[in-house]
Amino acid sequence: MASPDLTGQDWPLDEVPGRDVRAVVPRDFRLESGERLSAAEVTGRLYGPDRGPLIVVVGGISSGRFAARWWPWAVKAGGPIDLNRARVLAFDLPPGKDEPGVTITTADQARLLALLLEALDEPRVDAFVGASYGGCIGLAFAAAFPDRIGHLVAISAAHRTHPAATAWRGVQRRLLAFARESGREAEGVALARELAMATYRTPDEFALRFASTPPAEAGAPYPVCDYLIARGADYAEVTSAARWISLSDSLDRHAVAPEAVRCSLTVVGFTSDRLVPIEDSRELAARAPNLRRLVEAPSMFGHDAFLKERELVGRALHDALSPLYALPQSPLAREIAA
């Protein structure tokens, strides 16, 4: 069993402290495709007290081990995922920005998470909170390791990918490949991100936020385009075409039989989500053998509701995780809470 590396640098004092942990990827580790990862390690980050229930938190394909940064209102002391009362583990989703692309599944990601848990000598997670791609990984983990998970919260994620979502992502992947082959990768990543953002949010939100004022000339950006262009430029700095193609394709390969998810399950879905239609969340809930609760609601934020709907998602997380918080706290956790 590999030993965790606890030497990672903490964030500055004004941010949530945590420590990096690493697990070696065995040389004989193969993805379902038969390919190998170029990375020799899986890197995660632990937050919270030294003792307490362990909660794994995984988000969309642009998330990573710094969960308190990409989900700051949820992962914090006193928050719905309470760092006063629980340990939180998040991890970087392979492949990395500077690594070659691979054909990787959500089941592969679940196996890589299992390596990290083994390195930490953690035989079981008390809860897994997964949103978007992270919810798909959570479902795959629950199916592959039924004895190693207590409760799963799947937000904006279902047991399968809808063909409409595959259609949108397929266009993004072809755009990324074309831009890379043309030597304009960064521009391709930015454009693909613009297209993706247009599918994450809803027409209602765009109508509320942006005027339809036309530009002076044909081809110039409208107000809503300025927003998308800015988001695309930001994303081009943090990911590569190869990584995005790999993880986007991974979403479209995702398929888990709901009956195989035998742990206690909370499903959170939004009626305005065009990538994960509410009908799929309902089907997952109906077929799962140990459903605790199905939460569904409208949201002007569409697929991004898990990031934006703080009250509703926070309440669902509190209801799902509060039994864990009722467990006796460690002395360190009591000291932090005080």
C-alpha atoms as a PDB file:
ATOM      1  CA  MET A   1       0.000   0.000   0.000  1.00  0.00           C
ATOM      2  CA  ALA A   2       1.412   3.378  -0.984  1.00  0.00           C
ATOM      3  CA  SER A   3       1.862   5.971   1.731  1.00  0.00           C
ATOM      4  CA  PRO A   4       0.121   9.325   1.322  1.00  0.00           C
ATOM      5  CA  ASP A   5       2.278  12.352   0.634  1.00  0.00           C
ATOM      6  CA  LEU A   6       1.264  15.064   3.106  1.00  0.00           C
ATOM      7  CA  THR A   7       3.879  17.594   2.034  1.00  0.00           C
ATOM      8  CA  GLY A   8       1.685  19.653  -0.300  1.00  0.00           C
ATOM      9  CA  GLN A   9       1.637  23.389   0.195  1.00  0.00           C
ATOM     10  CA  ASP A  10      -1.312  24.927   2.015  1.00  0.00           C
ATOM     11  CA  TRP A  11      -3.258  27.794   0.544  1.00  0.00           C
ATOM     12  CA  PRO A  12      -2.487  31.297   1.880  1.00  0.00           C
ATOM     13  CA  LEU A  13      -3.857  32.053   5.329  1.00  0.00           C
ATOM     14  CA  ASP A  14      -6.949  33.780   3.961  1.00  0.00           C
ATOM     15  CA  GLU A  15      -8.059  30.580   2.224  1.00  0.00           C
ATOM     16  CA  VAL A  16      -9.283  27.236   3.540  1.00  0.00           C
ATOM     17  CA  PRO A  17      -6.303  25.162   4.703  1.00  0.00           C
ATOM     18  CA  GLY A  18      -5.771  21.647   3.482  1.00  0.00           C
ATOM     19  CA  ARG A  19      -3.042  19.183   2.649  1.00  0.00           C
ATOM     20  CA  ASP A  20      -2.247  17.333  -0.538  1.00  0.00           C
ATOM     21  CA  VAL A  21      -2.263  13.553  -0.637  1.00  0.00           C
ATOM     22  CA  ARG A  22      -0.952  11.294  -3.380  1.00  0.00           C
ATOM     23  CA  ALA A  23      -1.188   7.685  -4.451  1.00  0.00           C
ATOM     24  CA  VAL A  24       1.051   5.841  -6.906  1.00  0.00           C
ATOM     25  CA  VAL A  25      -0.654   4.483 -10.014  1.00  0.00           C
ATOM     26  CA  PRO A  26       0.650   0.909 -10.381  1.00  0.00           C
ATOM     27  CA  ARG A  27       2.588   0.194 -13.557  1.00  0.00           C
ATOM     28  CA  ASP A  28       0.093  -2.529 -14.476  1.00  0.00           C
ATOM     29  CA  PHE A  29      -2.933  -0.225 -14.052  1.00  0.00           C
ATOM     30  CA  ARG A  30      -4.927  -0.178 -17.272  1.00  0.00           C
ATOM     31  CA  LEU A  31      -7.968   1.864 -18.192  1.00  0.00           C
ATOM     32  CA  GLU A  32     -11.014   0.048 -19.534  1.00  0.00           C
ATOM     33  CA  SER A  33      -9.812   1.008 -23.001  1.00  0.00           C
ATOM     34  CA  GLY A  34      -6.546  -0.839 -22.363  1.00  0.00           C
ATOM     35  CA  GLU A  35      -4.607   2.443 -22.352  1.00  0.00           C
ATOM     36  CA  ARG A  36      -2.286   3.665 -19.615  1.00  0.00           C
ATOM     37  CA  LEU A  37      -2.250   7.033 -17.936  1.00  0.00           C
ATOM     38  CA  SER A  38       0.939   9.004 -18.390  1.00  0.00           C
ATOM     39  CA  ALA A  39       0.715  10.278 -14.809  1.00  0.00           C
ATOM     40  CA  ALA A  40       2.444   8.186 -12.168  1.00  0.00           C
ATOM     41  CA  GLU A  41       0.284   9.517  -9.316  1.00  0.00           C
ATOM     42  CA  VAL A  42      -3.239  10.477  -8.376  1.00  0.00           C
ATOM     43  CA  THR A  43      -3.333  13.727  -6.414  1.00  0.00           C
ATOM     44  CA  GLY A  44      -5.999  14.645  -3.905  1.00  0.00           C
ATOM     45  CA  ARG A  45      -6.497  17.157  -1.137  1.00  0.00           C
ATOM     46  CA  LEU A  46      -7.820  16.651   2.382  1.00  0.00           C
ATOM     47  CA  TYR A  47      -9.696  19.329   4.295  1.00  0.00           C
ATOM     48  CA  GLY A  48     -11.097  19.434   7.789  1.00  0.00           C
ATOM     49  CA  PRO A  49     -10.124  17.906  11.139  1.00  0.00           C
ATOM     50  CA  ASP A  50      -7.748  14.982  11.584  1.00  0.00           C
ATOM     51  CA  ARG A  51     -10.634  12.742  12.592  1.00  0.00           C
ATOM     52  CA  GLY A  52     -14.267  12.505  11.658  1.00  0.00           C
ATOM     53  CA  PRO A  53     -16.486  11.106   8.896  1.00  0.00           C
ATOM     54  CA  LEU A  54     -14.938  11.151   5.434  1.00  0.00           C
ATOM     55  CA  ILE A  55     -16.816  12.821   2.570  1.00  0.00           C
ATOM     56  CA  VAL A  56     -15.561  12.666  -1.016  1.00  0.00           C
ATOM     57  CA  VAL A  57     -16.502  15.729  -3.087  1.00  0.00           C
ATOM     58  CA  VAL A  58     -16.180  15.745  -6.891  1.00  0.00           C
ATOM     59  CA  GLY A  59     -17.592  18.293  -9.343  1.00  0.00           C
ATOM     60  CA  GLY A  60     -17.634  18.886 -13.079  1.00  0.00           C
ATOM     61  CA  ILE A  61     -14.783  18.269 -15.490  1.00  0.00           C
ATOM     62  CA  SER A  62     -13.254  21.648 -14.626  1.00  0.00           C
ATOM     63  CA  SER A  63     -13.208  20.890 -10.892  1.00  0.00           C
ATOM     64  CA  GLY A  64     -10.270  19.390  -9.039  1.00  0.00           C
ATOM     65  CA  ARG A  65      -8.769  18.811  -5.649  1.00  0.00           C
ATOM     66  CA  PHE A  66      -9.332  22.382  -4.428  1.00  0.00           C
ATOM     67  CA  ALA A  67     -12.998  21.808  -3.614  1.00  0.00           C
ATOM     68  CA  ALA A  68     -13.117  24.714  -1.182  1.00  0.00           C
ATOM     69  CA  ARG A  69     -12.185  26.988  -4.079  1.00  0.00           C
ATOM     70  CA  TRP A  70     -14.564  25.807  -6.811  1.00  0.00           C
ATOM     71  CA  TRP A  71     -17.458  25.198  -4.363  1.00  0.00           C
ATOM     72  CA  PRO A  72     -16.671  27.723  -1.603  1.00  0.00           C
ATOM     73  CA  TRP A  73     -20.176  28.206  -0.235  1.00  0.00           C
ATOM     74  CA  ALA A  74     -20.707  24.454   0.186  1.00  0.00           C
ATOM     75  CA  VAL A  75     -17.295  23.233   1.360  1.00  0.00           C
ATOM     76  CA  LYS A  76     -16.467  25.383   4.367  1.00  0.00           C
ATOM     77  CA  ALA A  77     -16.544  25.482   8.138  1.00  0.00           C
ATOM     78  CA  GLY A  78     -20.186  25.558   9.155  1.00  0.00           C
ATOM     79  CA  GLY A  79     -21.304  24.999   5.561  1.00  0.00           C
ATOM     80  CA  PRO A  80     -23.500  22.249   4.130  1.00  0.00           C
ATOM     81  CA  ILE A  81     -20.324  20.156   3.763  1.00  0.00           C
ATOM     82  CA  ASP A  82     -19.055  21.156   7.171  1.00  0.00           C
ATOM     83  CA  LEU A  83     -15.283  21.287   7.607  1.00  0.00           C
ATOM     84  CA  ASN A  84     -15.800  21.656  11.356  1.00  0.00           C
ATOM     85  CA  ARG A  85     -17.330  18.209  11.544  1.00  0.00           C
ATOM     86  CA  ALA A  86     -16.089  16.138   8.614  1.00  0.00           C
ATOM     87  CA  ARG A  87     -13.005  15.414   6.595  1.00  0.00           C
ATOM     88  CA  VAL A  88     -13.360  16.195   2.904  1.00  0.00           C
ATOM     89  CA  LEU A  89     -11.368  14.554   0.122  1.00  0.00           C
ATOM     90  CA  ALA A  90     -11.300  15.889  -3.435  1.00  0.00           C
ATOM     91  CA  PHE A  91      -8.978  14.885  -6.261  1.00  0.00           C
ATOM     92  CA  ASP A  92      -7.647  16.032  -9.619  1.00  0.00           C
ATOM     93  CA  LEU A  93      -9.381  14.304 -12.503  1.00  0.00           C
ATOM     94  CA  PRO A  94      -6.927  12.692 -14.936  1.00  0.00           C
ATOM     95  CA  PRO A  95      -5.664  13.392 -17.491  1.00  0.00           C
ATOM     96  CA  GLY A  96      -3.942  16.627 -16.539  1.00  0.00           C
ATOM     97  CA  LYS A  97      -3.603  19.702 -18.716  1.00  0.00           C
ATOM     98  CA  ASP A  98      -0.092  18.799 -19.867  1.00  0.00           C
ATOM     99  CA  GLU A  99      -0.741  15.078 -20.335  1.00  0.00           C
ATOM    100  CA  PRO A 100      -1.780  13.274 -23.527  1.00  0.00           C
ATOM    101  CA  GLY A 101      -5.440  12.457 -23.971  1.00  0.00           C
ATOM    102  CA  VAL A 102      -6.797   9.003 -23.195  1.00  0.00           C
ATOM    103  CA  THR A 103     -10.075   7.130 -23.450  1.00  0.00           C
ATOM    104  CA  ILE A 104     -11.160   7.127 -19.817  1.00  0.00           C
ATOM    105  CA  THR A 105     -14.485   6.161 -18.212  1.00  0.00           C
ATOM    106  CA  THR A 106     -16.211   7.170 -15.015  1.00  0.00           C
ATOM    107  CA  ALA A 107     -15.486   3.646 -13.770  1.00  0.00           C
ATOM    108  CA  ASP A 108     -11.776   4.305 -14.386  1.00  0.00           C
ATOM    109  CA  GLN A 109     -12.011   7.495 -12.335  1.00  0.00           C
ATOM    110  CA  ALA A 110     -13.698   5.517  -9.551  1.00  0.00           C
ATOM    111  CA  ARG A 111     -10.812   3.014  -9.556  1.00  0.00           C
ATOM    112  CA  LEU A 112      -8.280   5.864  -9.380  1.00  0.00           C
ATOM    113  CA  LEU A 113     -10.148   7.291  -6.393  1.00  0.00           C
ATOM    114  CA  ALA A 114      -9.970   3.841  -4.798  1.00  0.00           C
ATOM    115  CA  LEU A 115      -6.166   3.951  -5.157  1.00  0.00           C
ATOM    116  CA  LEU A 116      -6.124   7.246  -3.309  1.00  0.00           C
ATOM    117  CA  LEU A 117      -8.317   5.859  -0.537  1.00  0.00           C
ATOM    118  CA  GLU A 118      -6.051   2.832  -0.205  1.00  0.00           C
ATOM    119  CA  ALA A 119      -3.026   5.107   0.093  1.00  0.00           C
ATOM    120  CA  LEU A 120      -4.831   6.918   2.903  1.00  0.00           C
ATOM    121  CA  ASP A 121      -5.729   3.599   4.532  1.00  0.00           C
ATOM    122  CA  GLU A 122      -9.408   4.507   4.261  1.00  0.00           C
ATOM    123  CA  PRO A 123     -11.431   1.363   3.522  1.00  0.00           C
ATOM    124  CA  ARG A 124     -14.721   3.244   3.228  1.00  0.00           C
ATOM    125  CA  VAL A 125     -16.130   6.712   2.596  1.00  0.00           C
ATOM    126  CA  ASP A 126     -19.056   7.799   4.738  1.00  0.00           C
ATOM    127  CA  ALA A 127     -20.519   9.894   1.935  1.00  0.00           C
ATOM    128  CA  PHE A 128     -19.789  10.822  -1.653  1.00  0.00           C
ATOM    129  CA  VAL A 129     -21.112  14.147  -2.927  1.00  0.00           C
ATOM    130  CA  GLY A 130     -20.866  14.325  -6.704  1.00  0.00           C
ATOM    131  CA  ALA A 131     -22.158  17.040  -9.011  1.00  0.00           C
ATOM    132  CA  SER A 132     -22.278  16.820 -12.816  1.00  0.00           C
ATOM    133  CA  TYR A 133     -19.327  14.626 -13.906  1.00  0.00           C
ATOM    134  CA  GLY A 134     -18.571  14.056 -10.236  1.00  0.00           C
ATOM    135  CA  GLY A 135     -22.035  12.611  -9.717  1.00  0.00           C
ATOM    136  CA  CYS A 136     -21.391  10.189 -12.570  1.00  0.00           C
ATOM    137  CA  ILE A 137     -18.129   9.134 -10.905  1.00  0.00           C
ATOM    138  CA  GLY A 138     -20.017   8.706  -7.633  1.00  0.00           C
ATOM    139  CA  LEU A 139     -22.530   6.401  -9.292  1.00  0.00           C
ATOM    140  CA  ALA A 140     -19.717   4.403 -10.891  1.00  0.00           C
ATOM    141  CA  PHE A 141     -17.896   4.189  -7.542  1.00  0.00           C
ATOM    142  CA  ALA A 142     -21.037   2.984  -5.763  1.00  0.00           C
ATOM    143  CA  ALA A 143     -21.596   0.313  -8.415  1.00  0.00           C
ATOM    144  CA  ALA A 144     -17.976  -0.873  -8.408  1.00  0.00           C
ATOM    145  CA  PHE A 145     -17.349  -0.672  -4.650  1.00  0.00           C
ATOM    146  CA  PRO A 146     -20.708  -1.231  -2.929  1.00  0.00           C
ATOM    147  CA  ASP A 147     -19.107  -2.002   0.435  1.00  0.00           C
ATOM    148  CA  ARG A 148     -16.947   1.111   0.440  1.00  0.00           C
ATOM    149  CA  ILE A 149     -19.589   3.847   0.453  1.00  0.00           C
ATOM    150  CA  GLY A 150     -22.204   4.891   2.955  1.00  0.00           C
ATOM    151  CA  HIS A 151     -24.340   7.485   1.201  1.00  0.00           C
ATOM    152  CA  LEU A 152     -24.235   9.019  -2.278  1.00  0.00           C
ATOM    153  CA  VAL A 153     -25.565  12.444  -3.231  1.00  0.00           C
ATOM    154  CA  ALA A 154     -25.832  12.712  -7.032  1.00  0.00           C
ATOM    155  CA  ILE A 155     -26.544  16.281  -8.165  1.00  0.00           C
ATOM    156  CA  SER A 156     -27.205  17.177 -11.806  1.00  0.00           C
ATOM    157  CA  ALA A 157     -26.074  13.665 -12.737  1.00  0.00           C
ATOM    158  CA  ALA A 158     -27.824  10.511 -13.856  1.00  0.00           C
ATOM    159  CA  HIS A 159     -27.038   6.893 -14.640  1.00  0.00           C
ATOM    160  CA  ARG A 160     -26.670   7.531 -18.360  1.00  0.00           C
ATOM    161  CA  THR A 161     -25.913  10.295 -20.813  1.00  0.00           C
ATOM    162  CA  HIS A 162     -28.725  11.760 -22.874  1.00  0.00           C
ATOM    163  CA  PRO A 163     -28.171  11.780 -26.677  1.00  0.00           C
ATOM    164  CA  ALA A 164     -28.886  15.525 -26.807  1.00  0.00           C
ATOM    165  CA  ALA A 165     -26.007  16.163 -24.413  1.00  0.00           C
ATOM    166  CA  THR A 166     -23.764  13.911 -26.500  1.00  0.00           C
ATOM    167  CA  ALA A 167     -24.739  15.905 -29.597  1.00  0.00           C
ATOM    168  CA  TRP A 168     -23.628  19.198 -28.036  1.00  0.00           C
ATOM    169  CA  ARG A 169     -20.429  17.740 -26.627  1.00  0.00           C
ATOM    170  CA  GLY A 170     -19.667  15.987 -29.896  1.00  0.00           C
ATOM    171  CA  VAL A 171     -19.648  19.340 -31.684  1.00  0.00           C
ATOM    172  CA  GLN A 172     -17.322  20.694 -28.981  1.00  0.00           C
ATOM    173  CA  ARG A 173     -14.900  17.791 -29.441  1.00  0.00           C
ATOM    174  CA  ARG A 174     -14.796  18.170 -33.209  1.00  0.00           C
ATOM    175  CA  LEU A 175     -14.188  21.883 -32.800  1.00  0.00           C
ATOM    176  CA  LEU A 176     -11.346  21.157 -30.366  1.00  0.00           C
ATOM    177  CA  ALA A 177      -9.768  18.598 -32.686  1.00  0.00           C
ATOM    178  CA  PHE A 178     -10.041  20.928 -35.693  1.00  0.00           C
ATOM    179  CA  ALA A 179      -8.449  23.824 -33.802  1.00  0.00           C
ATOM    180  CA  ARG A 180      -5.601  21.642 -32.536  1.00  0.00           C
ATOM    181  CA  GLU A 181      -4.885  20.281 -36.005  1.00  0.00           C
ATOM    182  CA  SER A 182      -4.916  23.860 -37.330  1.00  0.00           C
ATOM    183  CA  GLY A 183      -2.383  25.028 -34.757  1.00  0.00           C
ATOM    184  CA  ARG A 184      -4.917  27.265 -32.974  1.00  0.00           C
ATOM    185  CA  GLU A 185      -5.619  25.151 -29.914  1.00  0.00           C
ATOM    186  CA  ALA A 186      -6.192  27.972 -27.410  1.00  0.00           C
ATOM    187  CA  GLU A 187      -8.761  29.601 -29.694  1.00  0.00           C
ATOM    188  CA  GLY A 188     -10.492  26.261 -30.122  1.00  0.00           C
ATOM    189  CA  VAL A 189     -10.675  25.686 -26.373  1.00  0.00           C
ATOM    190  CA  ALA A 190     -12.132  29.165 -25.917  1.00  0.00           C
ATOM    191  CA  LEU A 191     -14.775  28.640 -28.619  1.00  0.00           C
ATOM    192  CA  ALA A 192     -15.710  25.199 -27.307  1.00  0.00           C
ATOM    193  CA  ARG A 193     -16.103  26.668 -23.835  1.00  0.00           C
ATOM    194  CA  GLU A 194     -18.403  29.367 -25.215  1.00  0.00           C
ATOM    195  CA  LEU A 195     -20.576  26.693 -26.785  1.00  0.00           C
ATOM    196  CA  ALA A 196     -20.562  24.670 -23.563  1.00  0.00           C
ATOM    197  CA  MET A 197     -21.574  27.659 -21.448  1.00  0.00           C
ATOM    198  CA  ALA A 198     -24.534  28.231 -23.755  1.00  0.00           C
ATOM    199  CA  THR A 199     -25.775  24.719 -22.876  1.00  0.00           C
ATOM    200  CA  TYR A 200     -25.114  24.982 -19.126  1.00  0.00           C
ATOM    201  CA  ARG A 201     -27.418  27.958 -18.577  1.00  0.00           C
ATOM    202  CA  THR A 202     -31.035  28.638 -19.605  1.00  0.00           C
ATOM    203  CA  PRO A 203     -32.782  30.960 -22.055  1.00  0.00           C
ATOM    204  CA  ASP A 204     -34.522  32.575 -19.073  1.00  0.00           C
ATOM    205  CA  GLU A 205     -31.221  33.571 -17.511  1.00  0.00           C
ATOM    206  CA  PHE A 206     -29.819  34.930 -20.759  1.00  0.00           C
ATOM    207  CA  ALA A 207     -33.012  36.935 -21.349  1.00  0.00           C
ATOM    208  CA  LEU A 208     -32.790  38.435 -17.875  1.00  0.00           C
ATOM    209  CA  ARG A 209     -29.089  39.294 -17.999  1.00  0.00           C
ATOM    210  CA  PHE A 210     -28.454  40.432 -21.554  1.00  0.00           C
ATOM    211  CA  ALA A 211     -30.055  42.940 -23.892  1.00  0.00           C
ATOM    212  CA  SER A 212     -30.616  41.945 -27.503  1.00  0.00           C
ATOM    213  CA  THR A 213     -29.016  45.157 -28.774  1.00  0.00           C
ATOM    214  CA  PRO A 214     -27.364  44.368 -32.127  1.00  0.00           C
ATOM    215  CA  PRO A 215     -23.782  45.420 -32.831  1.00  0.00           C
ATOM    216  CA  ALA A 216     -22.914  47.983 -35.495  1.00  0.00           C
ATOM    217  CA  GLU A 217     -21.690  45.378 -37.977  1.00  0.00           C
ATOM    218  CA  ALA A 218     -22.556  41.804 -38.867  1.00  0.00           C
ATOM    219  CA  GLY A 219     -20.180  39.382 -37.190  1.00  0.00           C
ATOM    220  CA  ALA A 220     -19.470  41.631 -34.206  1.00  0.00           C
ATOM    221  CA  PRO A 221     -20.448  40.250 -30.776  1.00  0.00           C
ATOM    222  CA  TYR A 222     -23.814  40.854 -29.144  1.00  0.00           C
ATOM    223  CA  PRO A 223     -23.886  41.539 -25.367  1.00  0.00           C
ATOM    224  CA  VAL A 224     -24.407  37.870 -24.539  1.00  0.00           C
ATOM    225  CA  CYS A 225     -21.462  36.997 -26.774  1.00  0.00           C
ATOM    226  CA  ASP A 226     -19.178  39.301 -24.791  1.00  0.00           C
ATOM    227  CA  TYR A 227     -19.973  37.249 -21.693  1.00  0.00           C
ATOM    228  CA  LEU A 228     -19.306  33.953 -23.452  1.00  0.00           C
ATOM    229  CA  ILE A 229     -16.087  35.237 -25.027  1.00  0.00           C
ATOM    230  CA  ALA A 230     -14.760  36.220 -21.582  1.00  0.00           C
ATOM    231  CA  ARG A 231     -15.594  32.799 -20.137  1.00  0.00           C
ATOM    232  CA  GLY A 232     -13.948  31.071 -23.068  1.00  0.00           C
ATOM    233  CA  ALA A 233     -10.756  33.095 -22.754  1.00  0.00           C
ATOM    234  CA  ASP A 234     -10.512  32.271 -19.056  1.00  0.00           C
ATOM    235  CA  TYR A 235     -10.924  28.551 -19.690  1.00  0.00           C
ATOM    236  CA  ALA A 236      -8.322  28.448 -22.445  1.00  0.00           C
ATOM    237  CA  GLU A 237      -5.723  29.282 -19.807  1.00  0.00           C
ATOM    238  CA  VAL A 238      -6.475  26.303 -17.565  1.00  0.00           C
ATOM    239  CA  THR A 239      -7.113  23.307 -19.819  1.00  0.00           C
ATOM    240  CA  SER A 240      -5.977  21.699 -23.058  1.00  0.00           C
ATOM    241  CA  ALA A 241      -7.864  20.315 -26.026  1.00  0.00           C
ATOM    242  CA  ALA A 242      -6.631  16.780 -25.283  1.00  0.00           C
ATOM    243  CA  ARG A 243      -7.815  16.869 -21.678  1.00  0.00           C
ATOM    244  CA  TRP A 244     -11.188  18.306 -22.587  1.00  0.00           C
ATOM    245  CA  ILE A 245     -11.743  15.758 -25.346  1.00  0.00           C
ATOM    246  CA  SER A 246     -10.916  12.944 -22.920  1.00  0.00           C
ATOM    247  CA  LEU A 247     -13.229  14.092 -20.137  1.00  0.00           C
ATOM    248  CA  SER A 248     -16.042  15.152 -22.448  1.00  0.00           C
ATOM    249  CA  ASP A 249     -15.921  11.735 -24.104  1.00  0.00           C
ATOM    250  CA  SER A 250     -15.857  10.141 -20.656  1.00  0.00           C
ATOM    251  CA  LEU A 251     -19.185  11.784 -19.869  1.00  0.00           C
ATOM    252  CA  ASP A 252     -20.708  10.355 -23.019  1.00  0.00           C
ATOM    253  CA  ARG A 253     -19.444   6.840 -22.254  1.00  0.00           C
ATOM    254  CA  HIS A 254     -20.996   6.963 -18.775  1.00  0.00           C
ATOM    255  CA  ALA A 255     -23.526   4.203 -18.087  1.00  0.00           C
ATOM    256  CA  VAL A 256     -24.388   2.615 -14.744  1.00  0.00           C
ATOM    257  CA  ALA A 257     -27.344   0.376 -13.990  1.00  0.00           C
ATOM    258  CA  PRO A 258     -29.319   2.117 -11.216  1.00  0.00           C
ATOM    259  CA  GLU A 259     -29.989  -1.271  -9.638  1.00  0.00           C
ATOM    260  CA  ALA A 260     -26.220  -1.626  -9.067  1.00  0.00           C
ATOM    261  CA  VAL A 261     -26.191   1.487  -6.847  1.00  0.00           C
ATOM    262  CA  ARG A 262     -27.139  -0.227  -3.623  1.00  0.00           C
ATOM    263  CA  CYS A 263     -25.974   2.384  -1.136  1.00  0.00           C
ATOM    264  CA  SER A 264     -28.292   4.978   0.337  1.00  0.00           C
ATOM    265  CA  LEU A 265     -28.917   7.565  -2.396  1.00  0.00           C
ATOM    266  CA  THR A 266     -30.048  11.171  -2.660  1.00  0.00           C
ATOM    267  CA  VAL A 267     -30.760  12.459  -6.176  1.00  0.00           C
ATOM    268  CA  VAL A 268     -30.960  16.198  -6.898  1.00  0.00           C
ATOM    269  CA  GLY A 269     -32.162  17.286 -10.336  1.00  0.00           C
ATOM    270  CA  PHE A 270     -33.409  20.454 -11.987  1.00  0.00           C
ATOM    271  CA  THR A 271     -36.295  20.683 -14.408  1.00  0.00           C
ATOM    272  CA  SER A 272     -34.438  23.257 -16.538  1.00  0.00           C
ATOM    273  CA  ASP A 273     -31.275  21.144 -16.950  1.00  0.00           C
ATOM    274  CA  ARG A 274     -30.808  20.491 -20.674  1.00  0.00           C
ATOM    275  CA  LEU A 275     -27.745  18.265 -20.227  1.00  0.00           C
ATOM    276  CA  VAL A 276     -29.285  15.989 -17.587  1.00  0.00           C
ATOM    277  CA  PRO A 277     -33.039  15.984 -18.243  1.00  0.00           C
ATOM    278  CA  ILE A 278     -35.152  15.655 -15.126  1.00  0.00           C
ATOM    279  CA  GLU A 279     -36.715  12.491 -16.557  1.00  0.00           C
ATOM    280  CA  ASP A 280     -33.337  10.751 -16.260  1.00  0.00           C
ATOM    281  CA  SER A 281     -32.946  11.844 -12.635  1.00  0.00           C
ATOM    282  CA  ARG A 282     -36.435  10.528 -11.933  1.00  0.00           C
ATOM    283  CA  GLU A 283     -35.619   7.206 -13.595  1.00  0.00           C
ATOM    284  CA  LEU A 284     -32.430   6.858 -11.555  1.00  0.00           C
ATOM    285  CA  ALA A 285     -34.388   7.520  -8.379  1.00  0.00           C
ATOM    286  CA  ALA A 286     -37.171   5.114  -9.336  1.00  0.00           C
ATOM    287  CA  ARG A 287     -34.827   2.233 -10.137  1.00  0.00           C
ATOM    288  CA  ALA A 288     -32.260   2.654  -7.346  1.00  0.00           C
ATOM    289  CA  PRO A 289     -32.889   0.049  -4.640  1.00  0.00           C
ATOM    290  CA  ASN A 290     -32.104   2.276  -1.645  1.00  0.00           C
ATOM    291  CA  LEU A 291     -33.341   5.764  -2.499  1.00  0.00           C
ATOM    292  CA  ARG A 292     -33.447   8.109   0.447  1.00  0.00           C
ATOM    293  CA  ARG A 293     -34.762  11.154  -1.359  1.00  0.00           C
ATOM    294  CA  LEU A 294     -35.386  12.700  -4.778  1.00  0.00           C
ATOM    295  CA  VAL A 295     -35.141  16.493  -4.840  1.00  0.00           C
ATOM    296  CA  GLU A 296     -36.271  18.257  -7.998  1.00  0.00           C
ATOM    297  CA  ALA A 297     -36.798  21.948  -8.617  1.00  0.00           C
ATOM    298  CA  PRO A 298     -36.840  24.583 -11.341  1.00  0.00           C
ATOM    299  CA  SER A 299     -33.832  26.863 -11.734  1.00  0.00           C
ATOM    300  CA  MET A 300     -32.923  29.625 -14.139  1.00  0.00           C
ATOM    301  CA  PHE A 301     -29.341  28.345 -13.949  1.00  0.00           C
ATOM    302  CA  GLY A 302     -29.983  25.031 -15.701  1.00  0.00           C
ATOM    303  CA  HIS A 303     -27.139  22.553 -15.389  1.00  0.00           C
ATOM    304  CA  ASP A 304     -25.101  25.034 -13.337  1.00  0.00           C
ATOM    305  CA  ALA A 305     -27.771  25.085 -10.624  1.00  0.00           C
ATOM    306  CA  PHE A 306     -25.555  22.972  -8.355  1.00  0.00           C
ATOM    307  CA  LEU A 307     -23.137  25.915  -8.272  1.00  0.00           C
ATOM    308  CA  LYS A 308     -25.744  28.668  -7.989  1.00  0.00           C
ATOM    309  CA  GLU A 309     -28.771  27.395  -6.043  1.00  0.00           C
ATOM    310  CA  ARG A 310     -27.217  27.718  -2.624  1.00  0.00           C
ATOM    311  CA  GLU A 311     -30.360  27.482  -0.528  1.00  0.00           C
ATOM    312  CA  LEU A 312     -31.919  24.472  -2.235  1.00  0.00           C
ATOM    313  CA  VAL A 313     -28.715  22.502  -2.779  1.00  0.00           C
ATOM    314  CA  GLY A 314     -27.425  23.464   0.653  1.00  0.00           C
ATOM    315  CA  ARG A 315     -30.605  22.193   2.286  1.00  0.00           C
ATOM    316  CA  ALA A 316     -30.428  18.922   0.350  1.00  0.00           C
ATOM    317  CA  LEU A 317     -26.794  18.461   1.385  1.00  0.00           C
ATOM    318  CA  HIS A 318     -27.594  19.242   5.008  1.00  0.00           C
ATOM    319  CA  ASP A 319     -30.431  16.709   5.066  1.00  0.00           C
ATOM    320  CA  ALA A 320     -28.228  14.047   3.466  1.00  0.00           C
ATOM    321  CA  LEU A 321     -25.130  14.651   5.596  1.00  0.00           C
ATOM    322  CA  SER A 322     -26.544  15.703   8.965  1.00  0.00           C
ATOM    323  CA  PRO A 323     -26.647  12.086  10.252  1.00  0.00           C
ATOM    324  CA  LEU A 324     -22.854  12.049   9.844  1.00  0.00           C
ATOM    325  CA  TYR A 325     -22.495  15.309  11.748  1.00  0.00           C
ATOM    326  CA  ALA A 326     -24.408  13.802  14.649  1.00  0.00           C
ATOM    327  CA  LEU A 327     -21.516  11.416  15.254  1.00  0.00           C
ATOM    328  CA  PRO A 328     -19.173  12.304  18.135  1.00  0.00           C
ATOM    329  CA  GLN A 329     -16.626  14.946  17.157  1.00  0.00           C
ATOM    330  CA  SER A 330     -12.888  14.675  17.613  1.00  0.00           C
ATOM    331  CA  PRO A 331     -11.256  17.045  20.142  1.00  0.00           C
ATOM    332  CA  LEU A 332      -9.722  19.006  17.234  1.00  0.00           C
ATOM    333  CA  ALA A 333     -13.101  19.404  15.564  1.00  0.00           C
ATOM    334  CA  ARG A 334     -14.616  20.670  18.820  1.00  0.00           C
ATOM    335  CA  GLU A 335     -11.743  23.128  19.192  1.00  0.00           C
ATOM    336  CA  ILE A 336     -12.254  24.422  15.628  1.00  0.00           C
ATOM    337  CA  ALA A 337     -16.004  24.742  16.112  1.00  0.00           C
ATOM    338  CA  ALA A 338     -15.488  26.748  19.273  1.00  0.00           C
END
